Amino acid sequence: MTTTDPAKSTPTAQPEVPEQAGKILAQFAGYVGFKTIEMGLNNGLFEALRQHPDGLATDDLAREAGTDKFYTGVWSKAAYGAGILEQSGADKYALAPHMDKLLLDSDFPGYVGGIVSVFSQPEMFDKFDENLPSGKRTWWDEVSPEFIGAVSGTGRPFYNRLI
């Protein structure tokens, strides 16, 4: 049997604080990206942009989607920062390549837009947080019809690929 003398082992280098902070900040950026996608889906912003492949100015996007001009401008910058939108000419935004299919086309085999509805339901994270101390399990008969509907919407592309 071979043993290693702990006093002679090479110490593992510890990551620096900026590297560790970067990991946390990336999680925050991901959350902002998720919420930006959720807002775009919930308020018809992606759908309005899908109807205008050459892009829209934020005021025009707000008019098309029925949203506030200021907030639509802020949302557009966030969606651009997340890589979901591209700039299309001066002060215009358009969907980045394939985002229409990925976020809006539930028949597309790679559709992921339905995941947003699942993650937004309280059963996904709020109930988990609530049940973490006790270990209480959540069963299908205890979840909302909205959660079940959202979950069913995520499986459609998979089942379409099977047929």
Protein backbone atom coordinates (compact mmCIF):
# COMPACT_ATOMS: atom_id res chain seq x y z
CA MET A 1 0.00 0.00 0.00
CA THR A 2 1.33 3.41 -0.98
CA THR A 3 0.68 6.40 1.22
CA THR A 4 1.32 10.05 0.61
CA ASP A 5 2.93 12.20 3.24
CA PRO A 6 0.63 15.24 3.60
CA ALA A 7 3.59 17.41 4.57
CA LYS A 8 5.24 16.70 1.20
CA SER A 9 2.19 17.11 -1.05
CA THR A 10 2.04 20.09 -3.38
CA PRO A 11 -0.52 22.65 -2.21
CA THR A 12 -3.29 23.44 -4.63
CA ALA A 13 -3.32 27.06 -5.73
CA GLN A 14 -6.29 28.97 -4.40
CA PRO A 15 -8.22 31.08 -6.90
CA GLU A 16 -7.88 34.82 -6.50
CA VAL A 17 -10.78 36.97 -5.28
CA PRO A 18 -11.46 38.54 -8.73
CA GLU A 19 -11.77 35.07 -10.27
CA GLN A 20 -14.26 33.98 -7.62
CA ALA A 21 -16.18 37.27 -7.88
CA GLY A 22 -16.42 36.70 -11.64
CA LYS A 23 -18.20 33.41 -11.01
CA ILE A 24 -20.81 35.12 -8.85
CA LEU A 25 -21.24 38.08 -11.20
CA ALA A 26 -21.78 35.68 -14.12
CA GLN A 27 -24.70 34.18 -12.18
CA PHE A 28 -26.20 37.64 -11.68
CA ALA A 29 -25.79 38.37 -15.39
CA GLY A 30 -27.53 35.09 -16.20
CA TYR A 31 -30.43 36.04 -13.96
CA VAL A 32 -30.74 39.43 -15.66
CA GLY A 33 -30.67 37.68 -19.05
CA PHE A 34 -33.39 35.27 -17.96
CA LYS A 35 -35.61 38.07 -16.65
CA THR A 36 -35.03 40.01 -19.88
CA ILE A 37 -36.20 37.01 -21.91
CA GLU A 38 -39.19 36.56 -19.61
CA MET A 39 -40.22 40.21 -20.00
CA GLY A 40 -39.80 40.04 -23.77
CA LEU A 41 -42.01 36.96 -24.03
CA ASN A 42 -44.63 38.19 -21.56
CA ASN A 43 -44.99 41.59 -23.22
CA GLY A 44 -44.92 40.59 -26.88
CA LEU A 45 -41.60 42.29 -27.60
CA PHE A 46 -40.05 39.28 -29.31
CA GLU A 47 -43.20 38.65 -31.30
CA ALA A 48 -43.25 42.27 -32.49
CA LEU A 49 -39.62 41.98 -33.58
CA ARG A 50 -40.33 38.70 -35.34
CA GLN A 51 -42.86 40.55 -37.49
CA HIS A 52 -40.13 43.05 -38.47
CA PRO A 53 -36.98 41.09 -39.41
CA ASP A 54 -35.17 44.31 -40.41
CA GLY A 55 -35.62 45.59 -36.87
CA LEU A 56 -37.49 48.37 -35.14
CA ALA A 57 -36.53 51.55 -33.34
CA THR A 58 -37.44 51.31 -29.67
CA ASP A 59 -40.31 53.80 -30.02
CA ASP A 60 -41.76 51.72 -32.86
CA LEU A 61 -41.23 48.52 -30.88
CA ALA A 62 -43.07 50.05 -27.93
CA ARG A 63 -45.96 51.05 -30.18
CA GLU A 64 -46.13 47.56 -31.78
CA ALA A 65 -46.00 45.75 -28.42
CA GLY A 66 -48.13 48.22 -26.49
CA THR A 67 -45.37 48.96 -23.98
CA ASP A 68 -43.89 52.13 -22.52
CA LYS A 69 -41.26 53.80 -24.73
CA PHE A 70 -38.74 54.43 -21.95
CA TYR A 71 -38.93 50.92 -20.49
CA THR A 72 -38.85 49.40 -23.96
CA GLY A 73 -35.61 51.26 -24.62
CA VAL A 74 -34.11 49.95 -21.38
CA TRP A 75 -35.33 46.42 -22.16
CA SER A 76 -33.87 46.59 -25.68
CA LYS A 77 -30.45 47.50 -24.32
CA ALA A 78 -30.61 44.64 -21.82
CA ALA A 79 -31.68 42.18 -24.54
CA TYR A 80 -28.88 43.45 -26.77
CA GLY A 81 -26.41 43.04 -23.91
CA ALA A 82 -27.62 39.48 -23.39
CA GLY A 83 -27.08 38.68 -27.08
CA ILE A 84 -30.76 38.12 -27.80
CA LEU A 85 -31.07 41.20 -30.00
CA GLU A 86 -28.70 42.73 -32.52
CA GLN A 87 -28.48 46.32 -33.59
CA SER A 88 -29.99 46.83 -37.01
CA GLY A 89 -29.00 50.20 -38.35
CA ALA A 90 -29.11 53.38 -36.35
CA ASP A 91 -31.16 52.99 -33.17
CA LYS A 92 -32.92 49.85 -34.41
CA TYR A 93 -32.95 46.40 -32.85
CA ALA A 94 -33.68 43.04 -34.46
CA LEU A 95 -33.78 39.49 -33.15
CA ALA A 96 -30.37 37.82 -33.20
CA PRO A 97 -30.13 34.83 -35.57
CA HIS A 98 -32.38 31.89 -34.66
CA MET A 99 -33.93 33.62 -31.63
CA ASP A 100 -37.33 33.61 -33.33
CA LYS A 101 -37.23 29.81 -33.60
CA LEU A 102 -35.63 29.20 -30.20
CA LEU A 103 -37.96 31.45 -28.23
CA LEU A 104 -41.21 31.62 -30.22
CA ASP A 105 -41.64 28.55 -32.45
CA SER A 106 -42.96 25.72 -30.28
CA ASP A 107 -42.77 23.36 -33.30
CA PHE A 108 -39.03 23.95 -33.74
CA PRO A 109 -37.02 20.95 -32.42
CA GLY A 110 -34.69 23.27 -30.50
CA TYR A 111 -37.44 25.40 -28.95
CA VAL A 112 -36.49 26.54 -25.45
CA GLY A 113 -38.99 29.37 -24.92
CA GLY A 114 -41.23 27.16 -22.80
CA ILE A 115 -38.56 26.81 -20.13
CA VAL A 116 -39.15 30.43 -19.15
CA SER A 117 -42.71 29.63 -18.06
CA VAL A 118 -41.51 26.68 -15.97
CA PHE A 119 -38.78 28.64 -14.23
CA SER A 120 -41.20 31.50 -13.51
CA GLN A 121 -43.67 29.33 -11.62
CA PRO A 122 -43.46 29.29 -7.80
CA GLU A 123 -43.18 25.50 -7.82
CA MET A 124 -39.76 25.69 -9.44
CA PHE A 125 -37.74 27.77 -7.00
CA ASP A 126 -39.99 29.44 -4.43
CA LYS A 127 -41.40 26.14 -3.17
CA PHE A 128 -37.93 24.59 -3.24
CA ASP A 129 -36.65 27.41 -1.03
CA GLU A 130 -39.67 27.04 1.24
CA ASN A 131 -39.22 23.26 1.53
CA LEU A 132 -35.42 23.21 1.82
CA PRO A 133 -35.35 23.31 5.64
CA SER A 134 -38.07 20.69 6.13
CA GLY A 135 -37.44 18.40 3.18
CA LYS A 136 -41.14 18.41 2.30
CA ARG A 137 -41.66 17.00 -1.19
CA THR A 138 -43.94 18.56 -3.77
CA TRP A 139 -46.01 16.11 -5.78
CA TRP A 140 -47.83 16.62 -9.05
CA ASP A 141 -51.23 16.71 -7.34
CA GLU A 142 -50.05 19.74 -5.34
CA VAL A 143 -48.84 21.91 -8.21
CA SER A 144 -50.84 24.51 -10.08
CA PRO A 145 -52.42 23.94 -13.49
CA GLU A 146 -50.14 26.73 -14.75
CA PHE A 147 -47.06 24.76 -13.70
CA ILE A 148 -48.33 21.58 -15.35
CA GLY A 149 -49.14 23.51 -18.52
CA ALA A 150 -45.70 25.11 -18.53
CA VAL A 151 -43.96 21.77 -18.07
CA SER A 152 -45.99 20.21 -20.87
CA GLY A 153 -44.90 23.05 -23.16
CA THR A 154 -41.24 22.17 -22.74
CA GLY A 155 -41.60 18.57 -23.94
CA ARG A 156 -43.29 19.26 -27.27
CA PRO A 157 -40.05 19.67 -29.29
CA PHE A 158 -38.75 16.39 -27.85
CA TYR A 159 -41.90 14.50 -28.76
CA ASN A 160 -41.94 16.09 -32.22
CA ARG A 161 -38.44 14.70 -32.80
CA LEU A 162 -39.65 11.21 -31.84
CA ILE A 163 -42.48 11.13 -34.36
